[in-house]
Amino acid sequence: MPQPTSAQLGSAIRHIRDSRELSIEALAADADMHWTSVSRIENGRQNPTWDAVAKLAMALDVEISDLARLAAEQPPRERRSEPTPSS
């Protein structure tokens, strides 16, 4: 199994959260994290620590190994380039 990227892990977390109809604020509260940290992780803008991954997995009631497997199945996100000004 290829190692998932942080962006793929974030996509997996969002997928599970959305499937359970949890708000980002509710997940953050359950994981004892600030909602902006969860948002940055879900959007691939913050590399989560192992502690954060464990808290999110516990709050989502999934094993870390299952979260990693789902993350590896997520399509890799292409990095968006900065918009260039129109002439």
Protein backbone atom coordinates (compact mmCIF):
# COMPACT_ATOMS: atom_id res chain seq x y z
CA MET A 1 0.00 0.00 0.00
CA PRO A 2 1.47 3.39 -0.95
CA GLN A 3 1.95 5.92 1.81
CA PRO A 4 -0.92 8.43 1.71
CA THR A 5 -0.19 12.13 1.64
CA SER A 6 -1.44 14.56 4.26
CA ALA A 7 -3.96 15.84 1.71
CA GLN A 8 -5.28 12.30 1.16
CA LEU A 9 -5.53 11.81 4.93
CA GLY A 10 -7.49 15.05 5.16
CA SER A 11 -9.82 13.88 2.39
CA ALA A 12 -10.41 10.61 4.23
CA ILE A 13 -11.21 12.44 7.47
CA ARG A 14 -13.65 14.73 5.65
CA HIS A 15 -15.24 11.74 3.87
CA ILE A 16 -15.92 9.98 7.17
CA ARG A 17 -17.09 13.19 8.85
CA ASP A 18 -19.47 13.97 6.00
CA SER A 19 -20.81 10.41 5.89
CA ARG A 20 -21.69 10.74 9.58
CA GLU A 21 -23.23 14.18 9.05
CA LEU A 22 -20.90 15.76 11.61
CA SER A 23 -20.04 19.41 11.45
CA ILE A 24 -16.39 20.34 11.56
CA GLU A 25 -17.05 22.02 14.90
CA ALA A 26 -18.61 18.85 16.35
CA LEU A 27 -15.69 16.70 15.21
CA ALA A 28 -13.22 19.21 16.61
CA ALA A 29 -15.03 19.24 19.97
CA ASP A 30 -15.11 15.43 20.09
CA ALA A 31 -11.39 15.31 19.26
CA ASP A 32 -10.53 18.09 21.75
CA MET A 33 -9.06 20.18 18.94
CA HIS A 34 -9.76 23.64 17.57
CA TRP A 35 -12.00 23.59 14.51
CA THR A 36 -9.48 25.58 12.46
CA SER A 37 -6.88 22.85 12.98
CA VAL A 38 -9.32 20.20 11.79
CA SER A 39 -10.18 22.37 8.79
CA ARG A 40 -6.51 22.81 7.86
CA ILE A 41 -5.92 19.06 8.19
CA GLU A 42 -8.96 18.24 6.04
CA ASN A 43 -7.78 20.70 3.39
CA GLY A 44 -4.22 19.35 3.35
CA ARG A 45 -2.80 22.63 4.61
CA GLN A 46 -1.51 21.25 7.90
CA ASN A 47 0.43 18.07 8.51
CA PRO A 48 -1.24 16.38 11.48
CA THR A 49 0.78 15.02 14.37
CA TRP A 50 0.29 11.42 15.45
CA ASP A 51 -1.55 12.79 18.46
CA ALA A 52 -3.97 14.67 16.19
CA VAL A 53 -4.50 11.59 13.98
CA ALA A 54 -5.21 9.48 17.06
CA LYS A 55 -7.67 12.05 18.45
CA LEU A 56 -9.50 12.34 15.13
CA ALA A 57 -9.64 8.57 14.66
CA MET A 58 -11.02 8.13 18.17
CA ALA A 59 -13.59 10.90 17.64
CA LEU A 60 -14.66 9.27 14.37
CA ASP A 61 -14.68 5.82 16.00
CA VAL A 62 -12.30 4.31 13.44
CA GLU A 63 -8.98 2.54 13.78
CA ILE A 64 -5.94 4.51 12.63
CA SER A 65 -5.12 1.64 10.24
CA ASP A 66 -8.58 1.94 8.64
CA LEU A 67 -8.13 5.69 8.34
CA ALA A 68 -4.74 5.16 6.64
CA ARG A 69 -6.25 2.59 4.27
CA LEU A 70 -9.07 4.96 3.31
CA ALA A 71 -6.56 7.80 2.88
CA ALA A 72 -4.49 5.67 0.48
CA GLU A 73 -7.63 5.08 -1.60
CA GLN A 74 -8.29 8.83 -1.99
CA PRO A 75 -7.21 10.32 -5.30
CA PRO A 76 -4.13 12.49 -4.95
CA ARG A 77 -4.95 16.17 -5.03
CA GLU A 78 -3.22 18.33 -7.56
CA ARG A 79 -1.59 21.38 -6.12
CA ARG A 80 -3.31 24.45 -7.47
CA SER A 81 -1.12 27.15 -8.85
CA GLU A 82 -1.58 30.72 -7.77
CA PRO A 83 -3.82 32.71 -10.09
CA THR A 84 -1.98 35.03 -12.41
CA PRO A 85 -3.24 38.55 -12.98
CA SER A 86 -5.07 39.08 -16.25
CA SER A 87 -3.57 41.53 -18.68
